[in-house]
Amino acid sequence: MENRVVEHLPQAAGHGVSQMAGSALPAALQGGFSAAMADSVLVPAVVILLGAVAAAFFLPANAPTRR
């Protein structure tokens, strides 16, 4: 997640999480930080969705169903 923050906020490079903890973001940085956090939430969701779609193709098309 730190890599995504540095990608969207290049001025944050070199600062550890502990150095930035507890500080408020200036208004100019809030947009980039928000985009980085959105990416960090959306990427795992997309991977899970793609995995579920791929797993659906492993089910046989004409398998008998249980009743």
N, C-alpha and C. Protein backbone atom coordinates (compact mmCIF):
# COMPACT_ATOMS: atom_id res chain seq x y z
N MET A 1 0.83 -1.17 0.00
CA MET A 1 0.00 0.00 0.00
C MET A 1 0.88 1.25 0.00
N GLU A 2 2.02 1.15 0.65
CA GLU A 2 2.91 2.31 0.69
C GLU A 2 3.40 2.66 -0.71
N ASN A 3 3.62 1.65 -1.56
CA ASN A 3 4.05 1.92 -2.93
C ASN A 3 2.99 2.68 -3.70
N ARG A 4 1.72 2.35 -3.48
CA ARG A 4 0.64 3.07 -4.16
C ARG A 4 0.57 4.52 -3.68
N VAL A 5 0.80 4.75 -2.39
CA VAL A 5 0.79 6.11 -1.87
C VAL A 5 1.92 6.91 -2.49
N VAL A 6 3.12 6.31 -2.58
CA VAL A 6 4.26 7.01 -3.15
C VAL A 6 4.03 7.28 -4.64
N GLU A 7 3.35 6.37 -5.34
CA GLU A 7 3.07 6.59 -6.76
C GLU A 7 2.16 7.80 -6.95
N HIS A 8 1.14 7.92 -6.11
CA HIS A 8 0.21 9.04 -6.24
C HIS A 8 0.71 10.30 -5.53
N LEU A 9 1.60 10.15 -4.58
CA LEU A 9 2.15 11.28 -3.83
C LEU A 9 3.68 11.20 -3.85
N PRO A 10 4.33 11.59 -4.94
CA PRO A 10 5.79 11.45 -5.02
C PRO A 10 6.52 12.20 -3.90
N GLN A 11 5.95 13.26 -3.38
CA GLN A 11 6.62 14.00 -2.31
C GLN A 11 6.64 13.22 -0.99
N ALA A 12 5.89 12.12 -0.91
CA ALA A 12 5.87 11.30 0.29
C ALA A 12 6.98 10.25 0.28
N ALA A 13 7.72 10.15 -0.81
CA ALA A 13 8.80 9.16 -0.91
C ALA A 13 9.86 9.44 0.15
N GLY A 14 10.33 8.40 0.79
CA GLY A 14 11.35 8.55 1.82
C GLY A 14 10.80 8.72 3.21
N HIS A 15 9.51 8.96 3.33
CA HIS A 15 8.90 9.09 4.65
C HIS A 15 8.30 7.75 5.03
N GLY A 16 8.65 7.26 6.20
CA GLY A 16 8.07 6.02 6.68
C GLY A 16 6.66 6.25 7.19
N VAL A 17 5.97 5.17 7.40
CA VAL A 17 4.60 5.27 7.91
C VAL A 17 4.60 5.93 9.29
N SER A 18 5.56 5.58 10.12
CA SER A 18 5.60 6.14 11.47
C SER A 18 5.87 7.64 11.46
N GLN A 19 6.58 8.13 10.45
CA GLN A 19 6.86 9.56 10.37
C GLN A 19 5.63 10.34 9.93
N MET A 20 4.75 9.69 9.18
CA MET A 20 3.57 10.38 8.67
C MET A 20 2.34 10.14 9.54
N ALA A 21 2.42 9.24 10.50
CA ALA A 21 1.27 8.87 11.31
C ALA A 21 0.82 10.05 12.17
N GLY A 22 -0.46 10.24 12.23
CA GLY A 22 -1.02 11.28 13.09
C GLY A 22 -1.01 12.67 12.49
N SER A 23 -0.46 12.84 11.33
CA SER A 23 -0.43 14.17 10.72
C SER A 23 -1.58 14.29 9.72
N ALA A 24 -2.14 15.47 9.65
CA ALA A 24 -3.24 15.72 8.71
C ALA A 24 -2.65 16.05 7.34
N LEU A 25 -3.33 15.58 6.31
CA LEU A 25 -2.87 15.85 4.96
C LEU A 25 -3.32 17.24 4.52
N PRO A 26 -2.43 17.96 3.86
CA PRO A 26 -2.86 19.24 3.28
C PRO A 26 -3.90 19.00 2.19
N ALA A 27 -4.68 19.98 1.91
CA ALA A 27 -5.75 19.85 0.91
C ALA A 27 -5.20 19.46 -0.45
N ALA A 28 -4.00 19.91 -0.80
CA ALA A 28 -3.42 19.60 -2.11
C ALA A 28 -3.07 18.12 -2.24
N LEU A 29 -2.83 17.42 -1.14
CA LEU A 29 -2.43 16.01 -1.18
C LEU A 29 -3.60 15.06 -0.98
N GLN A 30 -4.72 15.55 -0.56
CA GLN A 30 -5.85 14.68 -0.24
C GLN A 30 -6.36 13.92 -1.45
N GLY A 31 -6.35 14.53 -2.62
CA GLY A 31 -6.83 13.86 -3.83
C GLY A 31 -5.95 12.66 -4.20
N GLY A 32 -4.63 12.84 -4.18
CA GLY A 32 -3.72 11.74 -4.49
C GLY A 32 -3.79 10.63 -3.46
N PHE A 33 -3.89 11.00 -2.20
CA PHE A 33 -3.98 9.99 -1.14
C PHE A 33 -5.28 9.21 -1.28
N SER A 34 -6.35 9.90 -1.60
CA SER A 34 -7.64 9.24 -1.78
C SER A 34 -7.58 8.26 -2.96
N ALA A 35 -6.93 8.64 -4.03
CA ALA A 35 -6.80 7.75 -5.20
C ALA A 35 -5.98 6.52 -4.85
N ALA A 36 -4.91 6.69 -4.08
CA ALA A 36 -4.08 5.56 -3.68
C ALA A 36 -4.85 4.60 -2.78
N MET A 37 -5.64 5.12 -1.87
CA MET A 37 -6.43 4.26 -0.99
C MET A 37 -7.53 3.54 -1.78
N ALA A 38 -8.12 4.21 -2.75
CA ALA A 38 -9.14 3.57 -3.58
C ALA A 38 -8.53 2.42 -4.37
N ASP A 39 -7.32 2.63 -4.91
CA ASP A 39 -6.64 1.56 -5.64
C ASP A 39 -6.36 0.38 -4.73
N SER A 40 -5.95 0.65 -3.51
CA SER A 40 -5.59 -0.44 -2.60
C SER A 40 -6.81 -1.25 -2.18
N VAL A 41 -8.00 -0.69 -2.30
CA VAL A 41 -9.22 -1.44 -1.98
C VAL A 41 -9.77 -2.13 -3.22
N LEU A 42 -9.70 -1.47 -4.37
CA LEU A 42 -10.30 -2.02 -5.58
C LEU A 42 -9.50 -3.16 -6.20
N VAL A 43 -8.18 -3.11 -6.13
CA VAL A 43 -7.36 -4.14 -6.76
C VAL A 43 -7.66 -5.53 -6.17
N PRO A 44 -7.67 -5.73 -4.85
CA PRO A 44 -8.02 -7.06 -4.33
C PRO A 44 -9.44 -7.50 -4.70
N ALA A 45 -10.37 -6.56 -4.74
CA ALA A 45 -11.75 -6.91 -5.11
C ALA A 45 -11.81 -7.41 -6.55
N VAL A 46 -11.08 -6.78 -7.45
CA VAL A 46 -11.05 -7.20 -8.85
C VAL A 46 -10.40 -8.57 -8.97
N VAL A 47 -9.33 -8.82 -8.23
CA VAL A 47 -8.65 -10.11 -8.28
C VAL A 47 -9.59 -11.22 -7.78
N ILE A 48 -10.31 -10.96 -6.71
CA ILE A 48 -11.26 -11.96 -6.19
C ILE A 48 -12.36 -12.22 -7.21
N LEU A 49 -12.87 -11.18 -7.85
CA LEU A 49 -13.92 -11.36 -8.86
C LEU A 49 -13.41 -12.17 -10.05
N LEU A 50 -12.21 -11.87 -10.52
CA LEU A 50 -11.64 -12.62 -11.63
C LEU A 50 -11.39 -14.08 -11.24
N GLY A 51 -10.99 -14.31 -10.02
CA GLY A 51 -10.79 -15.68 -9.54
C GLY A 51 -12.10 -16.45 -9.50
N ALA A 52 -13.18 -15.81 -9.09
CA ALA A 52 -14.48 -16.46 -9.06
C ALA A 52 -14.97 -16.80 -10.47
N VAL A 53 -14.74 -15.89 -11.40
CA VAL A 53 -15.14 -16.14 -12.79
C VAL A 53 -14.32 -17.30 -13.36
N ALA A 54 -13.02 -17.31 -13.09
CA ALA A 54 -12.16 -18.40 -13.58
C ALA A 54 -12.57 -19.73 -12.96
N ALA A 55 -12.92 -19.72 -11.68
CA ALA A 55 -13.34 -20.96 -11.02
C ALA A 55 -14.65 -21.49 -11.59
N ALA A 56 -15.51 -20.61 -12.06
CA ALA A 56 -16.77 -21.04 -12.65
C ALA A 56 -16.54 -21.86 -13.92
N PHE A 57 -15.45 -21.59 -14.63
CA PHE A 57 -15.15 -22.34 -15.84
C PHE A 57 -14.64 -23.75 -15.55
N PHE A 58 -14.26 -24.04 -14.32
CA PHE A 58 -13.82 -25.38 -13.96
C PHE A 58 -14.99 -26.32 -13.67
N LEU A 59 -16.19 -25.79 -13.53
CA LEU A 59 -17.36 -26.63 -13.31
C LEU A 59 -17.78 -27.26 -14.63
N PRO A 60 -18.06 -28.57 -14.63
CA PRO A 60 -18.51 -29.19 -15.87
C PRO A 60 -19.89 -28.67 -16.28
N ALA A 61 -20.08 -28.49 -17.56
CA ALA A 61 -21.32 -27.90 -18.07
C ALA A 61 -22.49 -28.86 -17.94
N ASN A 62 -22.26 -30.16 -18.07
CA ASN A 62 -23.37 -31.12 -18.05
C ASN A 62 -23.30 -32.04 -16.82
N ALA A 63 -22.83 -31.50 -15.73
CA ALA A 63 -22.73 -32.30 -14.50
C ALA A 63 -24.12 -32.54 -13.93
N PRO A 64 -24.37 -33.75 -13.42
CA PRO A 64 -25.68 -34.01 -12.79
C PRO A 64 -25.81 -33.20 -11.50
N THR A 65 -27.00 -32.78 -11.20
CA THR A 65 -27.24 -32.01 -9.97
C THR A 65 -27.79 -32.95 -8.90
N ARG A 66 -27.50 -32.64 -7.67
CA ARG A 66 -28.01 -33.41 -6.52
C ARG A 66 -29.37 -32.88 -6.14
N ARG A 67 -30.23 -33.80 -5.71
CA ARG A 67 -31.56 -33.38 -5.24
C ARG A 67 -31.83 -33.97 -3.91
